[in-house]
Protein backbone atom coordinates (compact mmCIF):
# COMPACT_ATOMS: atom_id res chain seq x y z
CA UNK A 1 -0.03 -0.03 -0.04
CA UNK A 2 1.54 3.28 -1.17
CA UNK A 3 0.20 6.34 0.61
CA UNK A 4 1.06 9.99 0.10
CA UNK A 5 0.33 13.21 1.98
CA UNK A 6 0.40 16.41 0.05
CA UNK A 7 0.82 19.33 2.39
CA UNK A 8 2.52 17.13 5.01
CA UNK A 9 4.19 19.93 7.03
CA UNK A 10 0.99 21.88 7.68
CA UNK A 11 -1.21 21.46 10.82
CA UNK A 12 -3.60 19.11 9.06
CA UNK A 13 -0.90 17.26 7.20
CA UNK A 14 0.97 16.54 10.43
CA UNK A 15 -2.25 15.42 12.04
CA UNK A 16 -2.88 13.03 9.10
CA UNK A 17 0.58 11.58 9.64
CA UNK A 18 0.05 10.96 13.37
CA UNK A 19 -3.45 9.51 12.81
CA UNK A 20 -2.22 7.03 10.15
CA UNK A 21 0.16 5.79 12.81
CA UNK A 22 -2.29 5.80 15.63
CA UNK A 23 -4.92 3.76 13.70
CA UNK A 24 -2.51 1.32 12.28
CA UNK A 25 -3.37 2.22 8.71
CA UNK A 26 -1.85 -0.12 6.17
CA UNK A 27 1.19 1.76 4.80
CA UNK A 28 3.99 -0.04 3.03
CA UNK A 29 5.52 3.07 1.47
CA UNK A 30 4.88 6.60 2.57
CA UNK A 31 5.52 9.70 0.50
CA UNK A 32 5.41 13.19 1.98
CA UNK A 33 5.18 16.33 -0.07
CA UNK A 34 5.04 20.08 0.77
CA UNK A 35 5.22 23.17 -1.40
CA UNK A 36 8.21 25.38 -0.86
CA UNK A 37 10.31 22.42 0.42
CA UNK A 38 13.94 22.09 -0.71
CA UNK A 39 14.83 18.53 -1.75
CA UNK A 40 16.68 16.61 0.95
CA UNK A 41 16.23 19.39 3.55
CA UNK A 42 13.35 18.18 5.66
CA UNK A 43 12.12 14.96 7.34
CA UNK A 44 9.19 13.90 9.40
CA UNK A 45 8.97 10.87 11.72
CA UNK A 46 6.53 8.01 10.97
CA UNK A 47 6.64 4.82 13.10
CA UNK A 48 10.11 5.75 14.33
CA UNK A 49 11.51 6.27 10.85
CA UNK A 50 12.64 9.57 9.29
CA UNK A 51 10.59 10.12 6.02
CA UNK A 52 11.94 12.83 3.61
CA UNK A 53 9.53 15.66 2.64
CA UNK A 54 9.84 16.23 -1.12
CA UNK A 55 8.90 19.35 -3.04
CA UNK A 56 5.71 18.88 -4.92
CA UNK A 57 5.80 19.47 -8.64
CA UNK A 58 4.08 18.04 -11.80
CA UNK A 59 7.20 16.14 -12.74
CA UNK A 60 7.75 14.16 -9.48
CA UNK A 61 4.40 12.45 -8.91
CA UNK A 62 4.79 8.79 -8.04
CA UNK A 63 2.25 6.02 -8.40
CA UNK A 64 0.23 5.87 -5.10
CA UNK A 65 -2.79 3.95 -4.01
CA UNK A 66 -4.10 6.73 -1.72
CA UNK A 67 -3.12 10.45 -1.79
CA UNK A 68 -4.33 12.66 1.08
CA UNK A 69 -4.34 16.29 0.04
CA UNK A 70 -4.20 19.19 2.46
CA UNK A 71 -2.28 21.91 0.59
CA UNK A 72 -5.00 24.39 -0.33
CA UNK A 73 -7.40 24.78 -3.26
CA UNK A 74 -4.84 26.06 -5.75
CA UNK A 75 -2.54 23.06 -5.33
CA UNK A 76 -5.45 20.62 -5.36
CA UNK A 77 -6.89 22.03 -8.60
CA UNK A 78 -3.43 21.88 -10.25
CA UNK A 79 -2.10 18.51 -8.94
CA UNK A 80 -4.97 16.34 -7.72
CA UNK A 81 -6.05 15.36 -11.32
CA UNK A 82 -2.43 14.41 -12.12
CA UNK A 83 -2.27 12.15 -9.05
CA UNK A 84 -5.52 10.56 -10.19
CA UNK A 85 -4.22 10.15 -13.73
CA UNK A 86 -1.15 8.40 -12.25
CA UNK A 87 -3.26 5.82 -10.45
CA UNK A 88 -4.10 7.29 -7.04
CA UNK A 89 -7.43 7.71 -5.25
CA UNK A 90 -7.25 11.34 -4.06
CA UNK A 91 -9.04 12.43 -0.90
CA UNK A 92 -8.87 16.24 -0.88
CA UNK A 93 -9.27 18.40 2.15
CA UNK A 94 -9.56 21.71 0.29
CA UNK A 95 -12.73 23.40 -1.02
CA UNK A 96 -11.68 23.04 -4.65
CA UNK A 97 -14.05 20.17 -5.62
CA UNK A 98 -16.61 20.02 -2.85
CA UNK A 99 -19.47 21.41 -4.73
CA UNK A 100 -18.86 19.81 -8.08
CA UNK A 101 -21.79 17.68 -8.97
CA UNK A 102 -19.97 14.36 -9.88
CA UNK A 103 -17.46 14.44 -6.99
CA UNK A 104 -18.58 12.80 -3.71
CA UNK A 105 -18.49 15.03 -0.58
CA UNK A 106 -18.26 12.55 2.25
CA UNK A 107 -18.65 12.07 5.98
CA UNK A 108 -18.35 8.29 6.28
CA UNK A 109 -20.92 7.82 9.09
CA UNK A 110 -23.48 9.81 6.97
CA UNK A 111 -23.06 9.15 3.26
CA UNK A 112 -20.27 6.75 2.47
CA UNK A 113 -22.66 5.01 -0.01
CA UNK A 114 -22.38 7.94 -2.52
CA UNK A 115 -18.88 6.80 -3.46
CA UNK A 116 -18.96 4.71 -6.63
CA UNK A 117 -16.24 2.24 -7.61
CA UNK A 118 -15.26 4.49 -10.47
CA UNK A 119 -14.63 7.55 -8.22
CA UNK A 120 -10.95 8.46 -8.00
CA UNK A 121 -11.34 11.94 -6.49
CA UNK A 122 -13.30 12.38 -3.21
CA UNK A 123 -13.83 15.67 -1.38
CA UNK A 124 -13.44 16.02 2.40
CA UNK A 125 -15.92 18.61 3.83
CA UNK A 126 -15.34 21.80 5.70
CA UNK A 127 -14.43 21.32 9.33
CA UNK A 128 -17.51 23.04 10.75
CA UNK A 129 -19.74 21.19 8.30
CA UNK A 130 -18.54 17.79 9.39
CA UNK A 131 -19.39 18.03 13.06
CA UNK A 132 -22.82 19.61 12.24
CA UNK A 133 -24.03 17.09 9.64
CA UNK A 134 -22.89 14.13 11.78
CA UNK A 135 -25.35 15.28 14.44
CA UNK A 136 -28.09 16.34 12.07
CA UNK A 137 -27.94 13.01 10.24
CA UNK A 138 -29.05 11.14 13.41
CA UNK A 139 -31.45 13.77 14.54
CA UNK A 140 -33.47 13.57 11.30
CA UNK A 141 -34.07 9.85 11.91
CA UNK A 142 -36.39 11.00 14.74
CA UNK A 143 -38.30 13.51 12.65
CA UNK A 144 -37.74 15.45 9.44
CA UNK A 145 -35.87 18.67 9.80
CA UNK A 146 -37.76 21.88 9.11
CA UNK A 147 -35.04 24.45 9.80
CA UNK A 148 -31.52 24.57 11.29
CA UNK A 149 -29.68 27.69 12.62
CA UNK A 150 -26.01 27.44 13.53
CA UNK A 151 -23.59 29.90 15.03
CA UNK A 152 -20.02 28.73 14.97
CA UNK A 153 -17.13 29.68 17.23
CA UNK A 154 -14.08 28.61 15.28
CA UNK A 155 -10.53 28.17 16.61
CA UNK A 156 -7.54 29.85 15.15
CA UNK A 157 -5.88 26.54 14.22
CA UNK A 158 -8.43 26.46 11.42
CA UNK A 159 -6.33 29.17 9.70
CA UNK A 160 -3.02 27.34 10.13
CA UNK A 161 0.06 28.39 12.00
CA UNK A 162 -0.30 32.03 11.12
CA UNK A 163 -3.72 31.91 12.74
CA UNK A 164 -2.37 30.44 15.91
CA UNK A 165 0.40 33.10 16.03
CA UNK A 166 -2.11 35.86 15.54
CA UNK A 167 -4.01 34.68 18.56
CA UNK A 168 -1.03 35.33 20.92
CA UNK A 169 0.52 38.34 19.25
CA UNK A 170 -1.44 41.63 19.11
CA UNK A 171 -1.01 43.29 15.77
CA UNK A 172 0.68 40.24 14.18
CA UNK A 173 1.83 41.35 10.80
CA UNK A 174 1.22 38.07 8.99
CA UNK A 175 -2.29 37.48 10.45
CA UNK A 176 -4.66 35.74 8.03
CA UNK A 177 -7.63 37.46 9.71
CA UNK A 178 -9.56 40.60 8.69
CA UNK A 179 -9.13 42.16 12.13
CA UNK A 180 -6.92 41.53 15.18
CA UNK A 181 -8.04 38.21 16.81
CA UNK A 182 -5.90 38.85 19.94
CA UNK A 183 -8.52 39.07 22.82
CA UNK A 184 -11.14 39.62 20.15
CA UNK A 185 -14.00 37.98 18.08
CA UNK A 186 -14.44 38.30 14.29
CA UNK A 187 -17.82 37.40 12.88
CA UNK A 188 -16.43 36.82 9.42
CA UNK A 189 -14.47 33.84 7.97
CA UNK A 190 -13.64 34.33 4.38
CA UNK A 191 -14.81 37.00 1.94
CA UNK A 192 -18.38 38.35 1.91
CA UNK A 193 -20.75 37.58 -0.92
CA UNK A 194 -23.29 40.08 -2.29
CA UNK A 195 -25.98 38.41 -0.10
CA UNK A 196 -24.07 39.29 3.04
CA UNK A 197 -22.93 35.73 3.87
CA UNK A 198 -19.19 35.08 4.18
CA UNK A 199 -17.41 32.15 2.48
CA UNK A 200 -17.41 29.86 5.54
CA UNK A 201 -21.15 30.38 6.04
CA UNK A 202 -21.90 29.44 2.51
CA UNK A 203 -19.72 26.37 2.82
CA UNK A 204 -21.74 25.17 5.79
CA UNK A 205 -25.05 25.79 4.14
CA UNK A 206 -24.40 24.25 0.75
CA UNK A 207 -22.10 21.45 1.78
CA UNK A 208 -24.55 20.35 4.52
CA UNK A 209 -27.34 20.25 1.97
CA UNK A 210 -25.20 18.12 -0.44
CA UNK A 211 -24.06 15.63 2.29
CA UNK A 212 -27.44 15.12 3.77
CA UNK A 213 -29.04 14.85 0.33
CA UNK A 214 -31.53 17.65 1.27
CA UNK A 215 -30.91 20.42 -1.31
CA UNK A 216 -33.81 22.57 -0.02
CA UNK A 217 -32.95 22.33 3.72
CA UNK A 218 -33.54 25.68 5.46
CA UNK A 219 -30.20 26.15 7.09
CA UNK A 220 -28.65 29.47 8.11
CA UNK A 221 -25.13 29.97 9.50
CA UNK A 222 -23.15 32.73 11.20
CA UNK A 223 -19.44 31.96 11.55
CA UNK A 224 -17.21 33.59 14.21
CA UNK A 225 -13.49 33.29 14.64
CA UNK A 226 -12.60 33.20 18.33
CA UNK A 227 -9.22 33.35 20.24
CA UNK A 228 -9.22 29.63 20.93
CA UNK A 229 -6.28 27.52 19.97
CA UNK A 230 -8.00 24.40 18.73
CA UNK A 231 -11.52 22.73 18.38
CA UNK A 232 -14.57 24.38 16.95
CA UNK A 233 -17.87 25.04 18.85
CA UNK A 234 -21.31 25.42 17.51
CA UNK A 235 -24.65 26.61 18.83
CA UNK A 236 -27.22 24.71 16.86
CA UNK A 237 -31.00 25.25 16.86
CA UNK A 238 -33.07 22.55 15.13
CA UNK A 239 -36.73 22.78 14.35
CA UNK A 240 -38.37 19.34 13.71
CA UNK A 241 -41.56 18.59 11.79
CA UNK A 242 -42.80 16.65 14.79
CA UNK A 243 -42.43 16.80 18.54
CA UNK A 244 -39.13 15.05 19.75
CA UNK A 245 -38.27 14.37 23.34
CA UNK A 246 -34.90 15.16 24.93
CA UNK A 247 -34.61 11.50 25.95
CA UNK A 248 -34.98 10.36 22.34
CA UNK A 249 -32.31 12.83 21.24
CA UNK A 250 -29.93 11.68 23.96
CA UNK A 251 -30.49 8.03 23.11
CA UNK A 252 -30.02 8.26 19.38
CA UNK A 253 -26.89 10.49 19.61
CA UNK A 254 -25.55 8.46 22.47
CA UNK A 255 -25.71 5.33 20.29
CA UNK A 256 -24.26 7.04 17.20
CA UNK A 257 -20.69 6.26 16.17
CA UNK A 258 -18.36 9.19 16.52
CA UNK A 259 -20.59 11.13 18.88
CA UNK A 260 -20.30 11.55 22.69
CA UNK A 261 -23.23 12.93 24.59
CA UNK A 262 -22.26 14.42 27.89
CA UNK A 263 -23.95 15.85 30.99
CA UNK A 264 -21.03 18.10 31.51
CA UNK A 265 -20.53 21.16 29.32
CA UNK A 266 -18.07 20.06 26.58
CA UNK A 267 -15.50 22.78 25.81
CA UNK A 268 -12.80 23.10 23.20
CA UNK A 269 -10.20 21.90 25.74
CA UNK A 270 -12.29 18.77 26.27
CA UNK A 271 -12.50 18.04 22.56
CA UNK A 272 -8.85 18.90 21.74
CA UNK A 273 -7.01 15.75 20.63
CA UNK A 274 -10.15 13.60 20.62
CA UNK A 275 -11.80 11.89 17.71
CA UNK A 276 -15.45 12.25 18.77
CA UNK A 277 -17.89 15.02 18.20
CA UNK A 278 -19.15 16.15 21.66
CA UNK A 279 -22.78 17.22 22.29
CA UNK A 280 -24.12 18.89 25.43
CA UNK A 281 -26.60 21.43 26.69
CA UNK A 282 -29.49 19.69 24.89
CA UNK A 283 -32.66 21.62 25.72
CA UNK A 284 -36.06 22.54 24.22
CA UNK A 285 -37.17 26.01 23.33
CA UNK A 286 -39.44 27.51 25.90
CA UNK A 287 -42.18 28.12 23.41
CA UNK A 288 -42.11 24.99 21.25
CA UNK A 289 -41.74 21.25 21.72
CA UNK A 290 -40.51 20.92 18.17
CA UNK A 291 -37.45 23.21 18.66
CA UNK A 292 -34.29 21.96 20.26
CA UNK A 293 -30.99 23.65 21.02
CA UNK A 294 -27.62 21.89 21.18
CA UNK A 295 -24.00 22.69 21.87
CA UNK A 296 -21.57 20.81 19.60
CA UNK A 297 -17.72 20.73 19.90
CA UNK A 298 -15.07 18.89 17.92
CA UNK A 299 -11.37 18.98 17.16
CA UNK A 300 -11.22 20.73 13.81
CA UNK A 301 -7.80 19.22 12.89
CA UNK A 302 -8.94 15.67 13.65
CA UNK A 303 -12.60 14.86 12.90
CA UNK A 304 -12.91 18.14 11.13
CA UNK A 305 -10.18 17.34 8.66
CA UNK A 306 -7.48 14.62 8.96
CA UNK A 307 -9.47 11.89 10.70
CA UNK A 308 -12.47 12.21 8.41
CA UNK A 309 -10.21 11.86 5.40
CA UNK A 310 -8.45 8.79 6.73
CA UNK A 311 -11.84 7.27 7.74
CA UNK A 312 -12.86 7.61 4.12
CA UNK A 313 -9.67 5.86 3.07
CA UNK A 314 -10.38 3.06 5.57
CA UNK A 315 -13.87 2.55 4.29
CA UNK A 316 -12.62 2.39 0.69
CA UNK A 317 -10.04 -0.24 1.55
């Protein structure tokens, strides 16, 4: 089994590397790539062995069985088709292909069945989308969903190392954020569209509809960057078609793979480094038995990115 990671030196790439080892993924030969790398100058450790990180260019693409991409949309659009042409199944963590009609957008617990034997390129969803749709998928088994509202509180690790640095350094010159995130909140992630929604909000809305197979789902999102190191949090309000009890919700989510329901208040620190999506503060609206509020937290580098991609690969194999 020949496996490659494109973008191996980034936060998600390094998390992919550690999860491959943690889960005992079948790897006979491992190839690591990163843009801006000088040949022979960098190595990463996998199973106690130093693996060289190679520069990634069109002329040095090896044959691979699985290629995990986390190097940004521009690199994915340029190189992912070439890896596919050279024999690999590509699982891409960028937004480059997510909304293309014929490319599967997959959360394994929700819609692994959309992958066909002929598919060689599979999209990994946005981090905030993954933890949301995993919960919604099981909730809709109790009753059809009428409307979903979500407010996200997204950690700085979602913007890479520069995002983490900006959290600790006021006025950080290389900050990827629109405003200073040091001791601050920014209700904008990505550029605004003419409709007033920013890029991250549109990702959550349209990716969730595609993954759930509900193109008309009434879903609204407000995304907020917060000065938290790692793990995204979400306030989710769900309106059901029929009355649903708190006990039913706790039971179905408690039995769902990849979800942990807790009586304690799950926080980003609780979710950091964990694989599960944590759900707490489940309560009904005071004025309706069909409206339920939930608090959802998950590690955006693991289930929100690296782990989900590797779970897809595991299911394919």
